[in-house]
Protein backbone atom coordinates (compact mmCIF):
# COMPACT_ATOMS: atom_id res chain seq x y z
CA MET A 1 -55.65 -37.80 88.47
CA LYS A 2 -53.91 -40.50 86.41
CA ILE A 3 -56.92 -40.76 84.05
CA HIS A 4 -56.91 -37.00 83.40
CA LEU A 5 -53.15 -37.07 82.76
CA LEU A 6 -53.47 -39.99 80.32
CA SER A 7 -56.27 -38.21 78.44
CA TYR A 8 -54.10 -35.07 78.18
CA LEU A 9 -51.16 -37.05 76.79
CA LEU A 10 -53.34 -38.80 74.23
CA LEU A 11 -54.72 -35.48 73.06
CA THR A 12 -51.32 -33.76 72.78
CA ILE A 13 -49.73 -36.72 71.01
CA GLY A 14 -52.70 -37.56 68.80
CA PHE A 15 -53.34 -34.06 67.51
CA PRO A 16 -50.15 -33.55 65.48
CA LEU A 17 -50.25 -37.16 64.30
CA PHE A 18 -53.75 -37.11 62.81
CA ALA A 19 -54.83 -33.46 62.49
CA GLN A 20 -54.01 -33.38 58.77
CA LYS A 21 -55.42 -36.79 57.89
CA ASN A 22 -58.62 -36.61 55.85
CA THR A 23 -59.63 -39.98 54.45
CA LYS A 24 -62.56 -38.61 52.41
CA ALA A 25 -60.91 -35.65 50.64
CA THR A 26 -60.21 -36.03 46.92
CA GLU A 27 -58.64 -32.60 46.35
CA ALA A 28 -55.58 -31.10 48.06
CA VAL A 29 -52.35 -29.14 47.69
CA VAL A 30 -49.25 -30.72 49.24
CA THR A 31 -46.18 -28.54 49.79
CA TYR A 32 -42.67 -30.01 50.05
CA ALA A 33 -39.34 -28.58 51.24
CA PHE A 34 -35.75 -29.80 50.93
CA ARG A 35 -32.94 -30.66 53.31
CA ASN A 36 -29.38 -31.76 52.65
CA ASN A 37 -27.42 -33.39 55.48
CA GLY A 38 -30.10 -32.15 57.87
CA LYS A 39 -29.92 -28.50 56.76
CA ASN A 40 -32.68 -26.68 54.89
CA VAL A 41 -31.57 -25.68 51.39
CA GLY A 42 -34.48 -23.44 50.39
CA GLY A 43 -37.07 -23.70 47.67
CA GLU A 44 -40.30 -25.65 47.63
CA ARG A 45 -42.37 -27.89 45.43
CA LYS A 46 -46.15 -28.34 45.29
CA ILE A 47 -48.42 -30.99 43.91
CA PHE A 48 -52.03 -30.19 43.04
CA ILE A 49 -54.38 -33.16 43.40
CA LYS A 50 -57.88 -33.37 41.97
CA GLY A 51 -59.28 -36.88 42.03
CA ASN A 52 -57.11 -39.08 39.84
CA GLN A 53 -55.28 -36.15 38.26
CA VAL A 54 -52.09 -34.64 39.73
CA LEU A 55 -49.87 -31.76 38.63
CA VAL A 56 -46.29 -31.63 39.96
CA SER A 57 -45.06 -28.01 39.98
CA GLY A 58 -41.60 -26.54 40.51
CA GLN A 59 -39.95 -29.66 39.13
CA ASP A 60 -37.93 -28.16 36.31
CA ARG A 61 -37.61 -24.38 36.34
CA GLN A 62 -35.09 -24.14 33.50
CA SER A 63 -37.36 -25.74 30.91
CA LYS A 64 -40.96 -25.28 29.81
CA GLN A 65 -42.00 -28.66 31.13
CA GLN A 66 -45.11 -29.79 32.98
CA GLN A 67 -45.46 -33.12 34.77
CA PHE A 68 -48.68 -34.97 35.52
CA LEU A 69 -49.88 -38.21 37.05
CA GLN A 70 -53.05 -39.89 35.79
CA PHE A 71 -54.09 -42.60 38.26
CA THR A 72 -57.01 -43.73 36.13
CA GLU A 73 -54.51 -44.77 33.47
CA SER A 74 -51.71 -45.60 35.95
CA ALA A 75 -49.37 -43.43 33.91
CA THR A 76 -47.24 -40.28 34.08
CA TYR A 77 -47.28 -37.55 31.46
CA GLN A 78 -44.37 -35.20 30.79
CA VAL A 79 -45.27 -32.29 28.52
CA LEU A 80 -42.77 -29.92 26.96
CA GLN A 81 -43.68 -26.80 24.98
CA ILE A 82 -41.00 -25.21 22.77
CA ASP A 83 -42.33 -22.19 20.93
CA ASP A 84 -45.50 -23.51 19.23
CA LYS A 85 -44.56 -27.20 19.42
CA VAL A 86 -45.72 -29.58 22.16
CA TYR A 87 -44.00 -32.90 22.92
CA THR A 88 -45.41 -35.47 25.35
CA LEU A 89 -43.96 -38.59 26.95
CA LYS A 90 -46.51 -41.00 28.40
CA LYS A 91 -45.00 -43.65 30.69
CA PRO A 92 -46.88 -46.38 32.60
CA PHE A 93 -46.25 -46.70 36.34
CA SER A 94 -45.15 -50.28 35.64
CA GLU A 95 -42.06 -49.06 33.73
CA TYR A 96 -40.60 -47.26 36.73
CA PRO A 97 -38.22 -49.03 39.15
CA LYS A 98 -40.09 -51.22 41.63
CA ALA A 99 -40.08 -50.47 45.35
CA GLU A 100 -39.08 -52.88 48.09
CA LEU A 101 -41.43 -52.57 51.07
CA ILE A 102 -39.92 -52.24 54.57
CA ALA A 103 -41.66 -53.13 57.82
CA GLY A 104 -42.61 -50.34 60.22
CA ILE A 105 -44.68 -47.17 60.45
CA ASP A 106 -43.32 -43.59 60.73
CA THR A 107 -45.14 -40.27 60.93
CA VAL A 108 -44.65 -37.51 58.33
CA ALA A 109 -46.67 -34.26 58.33
CA GLY A 110 -48.88 -35.76 61.01
CA ILE A 111 -49.76 -38.85 58.95
CA PRO A 112 -48.71 -42.46 59.68
CA CYS A 113 -46.63 -43.66 56.72
CA LYS A 114 -45.40 -46.95 55.40
CA LYS A 115 -41.82 -47.19 54.25
CA ALA A 116 -40.25 -48.51 51.05
CA LYS A 117 -36.87 -48.51 49.33
CA VAL A 118 -36.10 -48.17 45.64
CA PHE A 119 -32.80 -48.30 43.74
CA ILE A 120 -32.41 -45.88 40.81
CA ARG A 121 -29.13 -45.61 38.92
CA SER A 122 -27.01 -46.75 41.88
CA ASN A 123 -28.88 -44.38 44.21
CA THR A 124 -30.72 -45.73 47.25
CA ILE A 125 -33.96 -43.84 47.85
CA GLU A 126 -36.05 -44.35 50.97
CA VAL A 127 -39.74 -43.50 50.56
CA TRP A 128 -42.41 -42.74 53.19
CA TYR A 129 -45.97 -42.95 51.85
CA THR A 130 -49.60 -43.62 52.77
CA ASP A 131 -52.13 -45.58 50.74
CA GLU A 132 -55.00 -44.99 53.17
CA LEU A 133 -56.08 -41.63 51.72
CA ARG A 134 -58.06 -40.87 48.58
CA ILE A 135 -55.49 -38.27 47.57
CA LYS A 136 -52.42 -39.68 45.82
CA GLY A 137 -49.25 -38.21 44.31
CA THR A 138 -45.50 -37.78 44.58
CA PRO A 139 -43.14 -34.77 44.42
CA ASP A 140 -40.94 -36.64 41.92
CA ILE A 141 -42.72 -38.64 39.23
CA GLY A 142 -39.62 -40.80 38.72
CA ILE A 143 -39.88 -42.22 42.26
CA VAL A 144 -42.60 -44.88 42.74
CA PRO A 145 -45.45 -42.80 41.23
CA GLY A 146 -48.13 -45.44 41.89
CA LEU A 147 -47.64 -46.19 45.62
CA GLY A 148 -50.09 -43.65 47.00
CA LEU A 149 -49.31 -40.27 48.57
CA VAL A 150 -45.53 -39.91 49.01
CA LEU A 151 -44.72 -37.59 51.90
CA LYS A 152 -40.96 -37.97 52.23
CA THR A 153 -37.98 -39.29 50.29
CA ILE A 154 -34.30 -39.49 51.27
CA ARG A 155 -31.67 -40.16 48.63
CA ASN A 156 -28.45 -41.85 49.73
CA GLY A 157 -29.11 -40.95 53.34
CA ASN A 158 -28.61 -37.19 52.98
CA SER A 159 -30.79 -35.49 50.34
CA GLU A 160 -34.33 -35.16 51.67
CA THR A 161 -37.64 -34.01 50.20
CA TYR A 162 -40.41 -33.83 52.80
CA ALA A 163 -44.00 -32.61 53.06
CA THR A 164 -44.50 -29.52 55.20
CA LYS A 165 -48.19 -28.82 54.63
CA ILE A 166 -51.36 -30.42 53.28
CA GLU A 167 -54.27 -28.16 52.33
CA TYR A 168 -57.55 -29.92 51.70
CA ARG A 169 -59.42 -27.57 49.38
CA SER A 170 -60.95 -27.31 45.93
CA ILE A 171 -58.40 -27.05 43.13
CA LYS A 172 -58.89 -24.25 40.63
CA ALA A 173 -58.77 -25.02 36.93
CA GLU A 174 -55.71 -22.82 36.38
CA GLU A 175 -53.83 -24.56 39.21
CA LEU A 176 -54.12 -28.01 37.70
CA ALA A 177 -53.84 -26.72 34.11
CA TRP A 178 -54.52 -30.10 32.52
CA PRO A 179 -53.35 -29.90 28.87
CA LYS A 180 -55.95 -29.41 26.14
CA THR A 181 -53.68 -31.27 23.72
CA TRP A 182 -50.78 -33.67 24.16
CA GLY A 183 -49.14 -32.50 20.94
CA THR A 184 -46.67 -35.02 19.51
CA LEU A 185 -46.29 -38.24 21.51
CA VAL A 186 -42.62 -39.28 21.53
CA ASP A 187 -40.61 -42.08 23.09
CA GLU A 188 -38.43 -41.56 26.15
CA ALA A 189 -35.15 -41.15 24.25
CA ALA A 190 -36.58 -38.44 21.99
CA TYR A 191 -38.24 -36.67 24.90
CA GLN A 192 -35.09 -36.65 27.02
CA ARG A 193 -33.15 -35.03 24.19
CA GLN A 194 -35.83 -32.37 23.75
CA ILE A 195 -35.98 -31.60 27.47
CA ILE A 196 -32.21 -31.30 27.85
CA GLU A 197 -31.82 -29.06 24.80
CA SER A 198 -34.66 -26.82 25.99
CA ARG A 199 -32.64 -25.85 29.07
CA TYR A 200 -29.94 -23.94 27.20
CA GLN A 201 -29.49 -21.78 24.11
CA THR A 202 -27.65 -23.02 21.05
CA VAL A 203 -26.21 -20.60 18.50
CA ASN A 204 -25.17 -22.33 15.30
CA ILE A 205 -22.09 -20.69 13.78
CA PHE A 206 -21.19 -23.13 10.98
CA ASN A 207 -23.19 -26.04 9.63
CA ASN A 208 -21.35 -28.81 7.76
CA GLU A 209 -18.94 -26.40 6.05
CA GLN A 210 -16.10 -27.70 3.91
CA ILE A 211 -12.56 -26.72 4.95
CA SER A 212 -10.23 -27.73 2.14
CA PHE A 213 -7.53 -26.45 -0.21
CA GLY A 214 -7.39 -25.66 -3.90
CA ASN A 215 -11.07 -25.31 -4.79
CA LYS A 216 -12.61 -22.24 -6.40
CA ILE A 217 -13.70 -19.64 -3.83
CA GLU A 218 -16.59 -17.23 -4.38
CA ASN A 219 -17.19 -15.19 -1.24
CA PRO A 220 -20.25 -13.01 -0.55
CA ALA A 221 -19.72 -9.32 -1.23
CA GLY A 222 -18.83 -6.96 1.62
CA GLU A 223 -19.02 -7.99 5.28
CA GLN A 224 -22.43 -9.60 5.58
CA LEU A 225 -23.90 -10.94 8.79
CA ASN A 226 -24.37 -14.74 8.98
CA ALA A 227 -22.63 -15.37 5.66
CA THR A 228 -19.78 -17.89 5.40
CA TYR A 229 -16.49 -16.71 3.89
CA HIS A 230 -13.58 -18.91 2.80
CA PHE A 231 -9.99 -17.65 2.93
CA SER A 232 -6.39 -18.81 2.57
CA GLY A 233 -7.09 -21.32 -0.18
CA GLY A 234 -10.21 -22.56 1.62
CA THR A 235 -8.48 -23.67 4.84
CA VAL A 236 -10.12 -20.89 6.88
CA ILE A 237 -13.88 -20.38 7.19
CA LEU A 238 -15.12 -17.15 8.73
CA LYS A 239 -18.49 -15.71 9.68
CA LYS A 240 -19.75 -12.50 11.25
CA VAL A 241 -22.38 -13.43 13.85
CA LYS A 242 -24.39 -11.68 16.51
CA LEU A 243 -23.93 -13.34 19.90
CA PRO A 244 -26.14 -12.84 22.98
CA ALA A 245 -25.14 -10.68 25.95
CA ALA A 246 -23.65 -12.52 28.92
CA THR A 247 -25.73 -13.11 32.06
CA PRO A 248 -24.60 -13.79 35.67
CA GLY A 249 -23.24 -17.28 36.16
CA GLN A 250 -23.66 -18.20 32.49
CA GLN A 251 -21.40 -20.85 30.98
CA LEU A 252 -20.41 -20.96 27.31
CA PHE A 253 -19.22 -24.12 25.57
CA ALA A 254 -17.82 -24.36 22.05
CA GLU A 255 -18.80 -27.59 20.28
CA LEU A 256 -17.15 -28.55 17.01
CA ILE A 257 -18.24 -31.62 15.02
CA GLN A 258 -15.66 -32.61 12.39
CA TYR A 259 -14.98 -35.47 10.00
CA SER A 260 -12.75 -36.17 7.02
CA ASN A 261 -14.04 -35.33 3.57
CA GLY A 262 -10.97 -36.75 1.83
CA ASP A 263 -7.94 -35.77 3.93
CA ALA A 264 -6.41 -38.79 5.68
CA TYR A 265 -4.04 -37.01 8.06
CA ASP A 266 -4.08 -35.46 11.52
CA ARG A 267 -4.12 -31.69 11.12
CA THR A 268 -3.81 -28.63 13.32
CA GLY A 269 -7.14 -26.92 13.92
CA SER A 270 -8.12 -23.72 15.68
CA ILE A 271 -11.36 -21.92 16.51
CA PHE A 272 -10.70 -18.20 16.85
CA MET A 273 -12.30 -14.80 17.19
CA ILE A 274 -10.91 -11.68 15.50
CA PRO A 275 -10.70 -8.63 17.82
CA GLN A 276 -11.88 -5.43 16.15
CA ASP A 277 -10.95 -2.82 18.77
CA LYS A 278 -7.68 -1.69 17.15
CA SER A 279 -7.00 0.03 13.82
CA ILE A 280 -5.55 -3.18 12.32
CA SER A 281 -7.11 -6.63 12.66
CA PHE A 282 -6.43 -10.12 11.35
CA LEU A 283 -9.49 -9.65 9.15
CA ASN A 284 -7.43 -7.18 7.07
CA ALA A 285 -4.93 -9.94 6.30
CA LEU A 286 -7.60 -12.47 5.32
CA GLN A 287 -9.22 -9.95 3.01
CA ASN A 288 -6.17 -8.13 1.63
CA GLY A 289 -3.06 -10.20 2.35
CA LEU A 290 -0.44 -10.80 5.04
CA GLN A 291 1.39 -7.56 4.21
CA THR A 292 -1.30 -5.65 6.15
CA LEU A 293 -0.19 -7.17 9.48
CA PRO A 294 2.49 -5.84 11.85
CA VAL A 295 5.71 -7.85 11.67
CA TYR A 296 7.59 -9.45 14.54
CA THR A 297 11.29 -9.77 13.71
CA ALA A 298 12.98 -12.52 15.70
CA ALA A 299 16.65 -12.98 16.61
CA ASN A 300 16.94 -15.56 13.81
CA GLY A 301 16.23 -12.81 11.28
CA LYS A 302 12.87 -14.19 10.19
CA LYS A 303 9.77 -12.04 10.03
CA TYR A 304 6.53 -13.32 11.57
CA GLN A 305 3.22 -11.74 10.55
CA GLY A 306 0.65 -10.69 13.16
CA VAL A 307 1.75 -12.93 16.05
CA THR A 308 2.03 -10.36 18.89
CA ALA A 309 -0.09 -7.49 20.21
CA THR A 310 1.00 -3.94 19.38
CA ASP A 311 -0.45 -0.50 20.08
CA ASN A 312 -2.69 -0.79 17.01
CA TYR A 313 -3.18 -4.57 16.63
CA LEU A 314 -4.43 -7.57 18.62
CA PRO A 315 -3.77 -11.13 17.39
CA PRO A 316 -6.64 -13.61 16.90
CA LEU A 317 -8.16 -14.75 20.18
CA GLU A 318 -7.90 -18.55 20.21
CA LEU A 319 -11.03 -20.18 21.61
CA MET A 320 -10.12 -23.84 21.07
CA ARG A 321 -7.08 -25.72 19.74
CA PHE A 322 -7.99 -29.08 18.25
CA PHE A 323 -6.41 -31.75 16.09
CA THR A 324 -8.23 -33.73 13.46
CA SER A 325 -8.02 -37.50 13.58
CA PHE A 326 -6.59 -39.71 10.87
CA GLY A 327 -9.44 -39.80 8.34
CA VAL A 328 -12.50 -40.43 10.49
CA LYS A 329 -15.63 -41.32 8.47
CA HIS A 330 -14.17 -40.92 4.95
CA PHE A 331 -11.72 -43.81 5.39
CA ASN A 332 -13.76 -46.01 7.74
CA ALA A 333 -14.72 -48.50 5.03
CA GLN A 334 -11.14 -48.70 3.73
CA ALA A 335 -9.73 -49.69 7.11
CA LYS A 336 -11.83 -52.62 8.24
CA ILE A 337 -10.44 -54.39 11.29
CA LYS A 338 -12.47 -56.90 13.26
CA GLY A 339 -13.60 -55.39 16.57
CA TYR A 340 -12.71 -51.84 15.55
CA ASP A 341 -15.90 -49.78 15.36
CA TRP A 342 -14.70 -46.50 13.87
CA ALA A 343 -16.50 -43.33 14.90
CA ASP A 344 -18.38 -41.39 12.22
CA SER A 345 -17.11 -38.02 13.42
CA VAL A 346 -15.13 -36.32 16.18
CA ILE A 347 -16.93 -34.07 18.66
CA TYR A 348 -14.76 -31.51 20.44
CA LYS A 349 -16.46 -29.63 23.28
CA GLN A 350 -14.82 -27.14 25.63
CA ASP A 351 -15.85 -24.66 28.30
CA ILE A 352 -14.77 -21.20 27.08
CA SER A 353 -16.74 -19.17 29.62
CA VAL A 354 -13.67 -17.14 30.65
CA LEU A 355 -13.65 -15.62 27.16
CA LEU A 356 -17.30 -14.49 27.24
CA PRO A 357 -16.43 -10.77 27.55
CA ARG A 358 -15.02 -10.91 24.01
CA LEU A 359 -17.89 -12.99 22.65
CA GLN A 360 -20.87 -10.64 22.73
CA GLY A 361 -22.63 -8.63 20.05
CA GLU A 362 -21.34 -8.74 16.47
CA VAL A 363 -18.06 -10.66 16.20
CA TRP A 364 -16.06 -12.54 13.57
CA ILE A 365 -15.65 -16.26 14.35
CA GLY A 366 -13.37 -18.52 12.31
CA VAL A 367 -12.22 -22.13 12.04
CA PHE A 368 -8.85 -23.16 10.59
CA ILE A 369 -7.76 -26.67 9.58
CA GLY A 370 -4.37 -26.83 7.89
CA ASN A 371 -4.57 -29.24 4.94
CA TYR A 372 -3.70 -29.53 1.26
CA ASP A 373 -6.61 -31.70 0.14
CA LYS A 374 -9.45 -30.70 -2.20
CA GLY A 375 -11.90 -32.79 -0.19
CA GLY A 376 -10.45 -31.71 3.12
CA HIS A 377 -12.77 -31.78 6.10
CA LYS A 378 -16.36 -30.97 7.04
CA ALA A 379 -17.09 -29.07 10.24
CA SER A 380 -20.03 -27.72 12.23
CA LEU A 381 -19.62 -25.27 15.10
CA ASN A 382 -22.14 -24.47 17.84
CA PHE A 383 -21.93 -22.14 20.82
CA LYS A 384 -23.99 -23.47 23.73
CA TYR A 385 -25.08 -21.06 26.46
CA TYR A 386 -25.99 -22.66 29.78
CA PRO A 387 -27.80 -20.30 32.19
CA GLY A 388 -26.56 -19.64 35.71
CA TYR A 389 -28.60 -20.47 38.77
CA GLU A 390 -31.16 -18.00 40.08
CA ARG A 391 -29.22 -17.40 43.29
CA GLU A 392 -26.15 -16.10 41.42
CA LYS A 393 -25.70 -12.34 41.66
CA PRO A 394 -23.96 -9.98 39.23
CA ALA A 395 -20.24 -9.57 39.90
CA THR A 396 -18.96 -6.35 41.44
CA THR A 397 -16.16 -6.17 38.84
CA LYS A 398 -16.17 -6.57 35.07
CA PRO A 399 -14.07 -9.31 33.44
CA TRP A 400 -11.22 -8.09 31.23
CA VAL A 401 -9.78 -10.18 28.38
CA MET A 402 -6.92 -9.28 26.03
CA PRO A 403 -5.14 -11.61 23.56
CA VAL A 404 -1.40 -10.89 23.57
CA PHE A 405 0.22 -13.50 21.28
CA ASN A 406 -0.70 -16.28 18.86
CA THR A 407 1.90 -18.08 16.73
CA THR A 408 -0.55 -20.53 15.11
CA ASN A 409 -0.19 -19.65 11.45
CA LEU A 410 -3.88 -19.57 10.54
CA MET A 411 -2.92 -18.36 7.06
CA GLU A 412 -0.38 -21.14 6.57
CA MET A 413 -1.57 -21.75 3.00
CA SER A 414 -1.06 -18.05 2.21
CA GLY A 415 2.54 -18.11 3.39
CA GLN A 416 2.23 -17.08 7.04
CA GLU A 417 5.41 -18.09 8.84
CA TYR A 418 5.49 -21.07 11.21
CA GLY A 419 6.27 -20.54 14.90
CA THR A 420 10.03 -21.04 14.70
CA MET A 421 11.13 -17.86 16.47
CA PHE A 422 12.23 -19.85 19.53
CA ASP A 423 15.42 -21.23 17.99
CA LYS A 424 17.67 -18.30 19.02
CA ASP A 425 15.55 -16.31 21.47
CA SER A 426 12.27 -16.24 23.35
CA LEU A 427 9.02 -14.86 21.94
CA THR A 428 8.81 -11.37 23.46
CA VAL A 429 5.80 -9.07 23.62
CA THR A 430 5.16 -5.81 25.45
CA ILE A 431 1.86 -5.84 27.31
CA ASN A 432 0.06 -2.80 28.66
CA VAL A 433 -2.22 -3.48 31.64
CA PRO A 434 -4.84 -0.71 32.08
CA GLU A 435 -5.53 0.98 35.39
CA GLY A 436 -8.09 -0.79 37.56
CA VAL A 437 -7.29 -4.30 36.26
CA LYS A 438 -6.30 -6.86 38.90
CA ASN A 439 -6.28 -10.61 39.64
CA LEU A 440 -4.53 -11.29 36.36
CA LYS A 441 -3.80 -14.69 34.86
CA LEU A 442 -2.50 -15.93 31.52
CA ARG A 443 -4.50 -18.50 29.57
CA TYR A 444 -1.71 -20.31 27.75
CA LEU A 445 -2.07 -22.85 24.93
CA THR A 446 0.94 -24.70 23.54
CA THR A 447 1.59 -27.58 21.11
CA GLY A 448 4.84 -28.77 19.59
CA HIS A 449 5.19 -29.77 15.91
CA GLY A 450 7.76 -31.49 13.75
CA GLY A 451 6.49 -34.85 12.61
CA TRP A 452 9.59 -37.03 12.41
CA GLY A 453 11.36 -39.00 15.11
CA GLY A 454 13.59 -36.11 16.17
CA GLY A 455 10.96 -33.39 15.72
CA ASP A 456 9.45 -31.47 18.63
CA GLU A 457 6.13 -33.24 18.08
CA PHE A 458 7.73 -36.33 19.61
CA VAL A 459 10.31 -34.78 21.93
CA PRO A 460 9.31 -33.34 25.33
CA LYS A 461 10.35 -29.69 25.63
CA MET A 462 10.25 -27.27 28.57
CA ASN A 463 7.97 -24.22 28.18
CA GLU A 464 8.84 -21.19 30.35
CA ILE A 465 6.86 -17.99 30.94
CA PHE A 466 8.74 -14.86 32.08
CA ILE A 467 7.32 -11.50 33.21
CA ASP A 468 9.84 -8.64 33.35
CA GLY A 469 12.69 -11.15 33.41
CA LYS A 470 11.29 -13.29 36.25
CA ARG A 471 10.21 -16.85 35.52
CA GLU A 472 6.57 -17.15 36.55
CA TYR A 473 5.74 -20.63 35.25
CA HIS A 474 7.38 -23.62 33.59
CA PHE A 475 6.23 -27.08 32.55
CA ILE A 476 6.71 -29.76 29.91
CA PRO A 477 3.56 -30.07 27.77
CA TRP A 478 3.18 -33.75 26.94
CA ARG A 479 0.30 -36.17 26.23
CA GLU A 480 0.66 -39.89 26.95
CA ASP A 481 -3.02 -40.80 26.46
CA CYS A 482 -3.23 -40.69 22.65
CA ALA A 483 -3.91 -44.43 22.34
CA THR A 484 -7.25 -43.81 24.11
CA TYR A 485 -8.59 -42.30 20.89
CA ARG A 486 -7.70 -45.14 18.51
CA TYR A 487 -11.31 -45.58 17.29
CA LEU A 488 -11.27 -42.03 15.94
CA ASN A 489 -8.31 -42.79 13.66
CA PRO A 490 -9.12 -45.33 10.91
CA SER A 491 -6.35 -44.23 8.51
CA SER A 492 -3.60 -44.13 11.13
CA GLY A 493 -0.70 -46.33 10.05
CA ASN A 494 0.22 -49.42 12.05
CA PHE A 495 3.89 -50.10 12.76
CA GLY A 496 5.80 -53.38 12.84
CA ASN A 497 5.64 -53.48 16.64
CA GLY A 498 1.82 -53.23 16.65
CA LEU A 499 1.51 -49.59 17.67
CA SER A 500 -0.54 -47.19 15.61
CA SER A 501 0.76 -43.74 14.72
CA SER A 502 -2.20 -42.22 16.54
CA ASP A 503 -1.13 -44.08 19.72
CA LEU A 504 2.18 -42.23 20.04
CA SER A 505 2.71 -39.67 22.78
CA ARG A 506 3.07 -36.10 21.58
CA SER A 507 3.85 -32.55 22.65
CA ASN A 508 0.50 -31.70 24.26
CA TRP A 509 -1.80 -33.07 21.57
CA CYS A 510 -3.33 -36.30 20.31
CA PRO A 511 -5.07 -36.93 16.96
CA GLY A 512 -8.81 -36.40 17.48
CA THR A 513 -8.61 -34.30 20.68
CA ILE A 514 -8.50 -30.74 21.95
CA THR A 515 -5.52 -29.23 23.76
CA LEU A 516 -6.42 -27.78 27.13
CA PRO A 517 -4.98 -24.40 28.15
CA VAL A 518 -3.01 -23.96 31.34
CA GLU A 519 -3.72 -21.10 33.70
CA VAL A 520 -0.71 -19.10 34.83
CA PRO A 521 -1.53 -16.94 37.89
CA LEU A 522 -0.02 -13.44 37.75
CA PRO A 523 -1.24 -11.90 41.03
CA ASN A 524 1.64 -9.40 41.24
CA LEU A 525 1.20 -7.97 37.75
CA LYS A 526 0.30 -4.29 38.17
CA PRO A 527 -1.14 -1.76 35.69
CA GLY A 528 1.41 -0.42 33.24
CA LYS A 529 3.80 -1.82 30.63
CA HIS A 530 5.54 -5.16 31.11
CA LYS A 531 7.68 -7.55 29.07
CA LEU A 532 6.25 -11.04 28.63
CA GLN A 533 8.45 -13.80 27.21
CA VAL A 534 7.85 -17.40 26.16
CA ALA A 535 10.96 -19.60 25.98
CA ILE A 536 11.07 -23.06 24.35
CA PRO A 537 14.27 -24.92 23.29
CA LEU A 538 13.34 -25.43 19.63
CA GLY A 539 14.80 -28.56 18.03
CA LYS A 540 17.23 -28.35 15.11
CA PRO A 541 16.03 -28.97 11.54
CA GLU A 542 16.94 -32.20 9.76
CA GLY A 543 17.05 -31.89 5.98
CA THR A 544 13.77 -30.32 4.90
CA SER A 545 12.06 -31.18 8.20
CA PHE A 546 11.78 -28.57 10.94
CA SER A 547 10.08 -28.06 14.31
CA ALA A 548 7.67 -25.28 15.31
CA TRP A 549 5.50 -24.35 18.28
CA ASN A 550 1.97 -23.06 18.18
CA VAL A 551 1.48 -20.98 21.32
CA SER A 552 -1.23 -18.50 22.18
CA GLY A 553 -1.73 -16.38 25.26
CA VAL A 554 -4.65 -14.37 26.61
CA LEU A 555 -4.51 -12.12 29.67
CA ILE A 556 -7.62 -12.36 31.85
CA GLY A 557 -8.41 -10.22 34.88
CA ASP A 558 -11.02 -8.23 36.80
CA LYS A 559 -11.62 -4.57 36.04
CA GLU A 560 -13.10 -2.28 38.68
């Protein structure tokens, strides 16, 4: 009786351990699944093995990449096809991080496995593998590709990739799909750049355009698509472009690359879009003069052109507020200091996904840098579209975006008034929220200006937002991190106490940086007309010096 029981136990234990082990097979398909903290997370990955050749599938769904192992050469191949170009990275097994073997045997997918540990970029990865089979491969070519057949990995104790099935069968030619050509062989740095850029779409808006003042301007005739126009003495560049339609979960980043072409100072910059859904637009002013814009008359008696929304006008939609550095690139050689490695340009990059509803189809995109220099600045602007994940579903509501005020005088060099309306009263605008719009918030951008010791650039000032007379939000916009960006500012003056001008704290901006918007929740704002006010205690002028505030506001909500 005991003998029969022992035989039964050996059979029931031995079957799942060794049923899938085939020491003679040279072709197989191994399927892997994923767990995180012990829970299945969906998806699968397969490797197709034929002798010494292995294809790893499902590795990178957002790029046109294929990954192979060639055991005859002890090397991995990563192959990327972009349109009609093929790039290949060949990397020997010996160049991957080495594994540390650990004593003991565990069973995975019915196969006894050895265990190893490898450290990759501060991550601890445990690996279960067998080197007793003729089939070899790994679900991740970056993890010990030459050990044998990897059947399980666990990263940092919680993220697990494990084999669920091994099929010993002949591999079809189309399943392995070994490349007929390797195309252009590149090094790892070049390949990594190609693979990353293949995952998203880049739309170039401007390429190394000059933004300056006082040079002769000859604009293309009419309103041509993809043609660059210069306005307001050359301090505004503008282009009509066709942008792609938004997709679920998509993220949009604006990336501006800027450097000095002769101007040594820190300057106000703005990337903006011109709404065209009213009878008057800011484009009319650029083409025909400021007199075409509606006028906001403040309590101080001054008239401000095109700063607030009206029934027939929407102000420019500000996408990014940035500030140029003190003379990066152009003045690097004139400001040599031991240990100071000046940058050759400033890269400003910001997530503007919330504004996507206004950035589809044919739109006018502009860049403003206020300066009085004939050399001025050079700037390139890209929109980068990063796709959402496959599991993301379309929203049940449509996003709604409406710019309501913008006091940044984009046509400063044409005489547009500075944002000084706060000296005797708040900035007031009537907003009209359509029916069906809910979950409203205000995207608010603010920077203080007045570049002397007593000017609002260097004096903290309270900003208050009122809706229908009730204060909804208040804060003091202030940046104390400007010294972080010293290497972007070669022509910044140095004071007797050792500080640089670019080090000084300022009203929500630093030379060589962007200014981030704040989000003001307005959950109780209902459809209909409302009064929105922005209050700032503007500083008093001193001689010919005066303070001003560049503020812009965009209402964002969900429309049923």
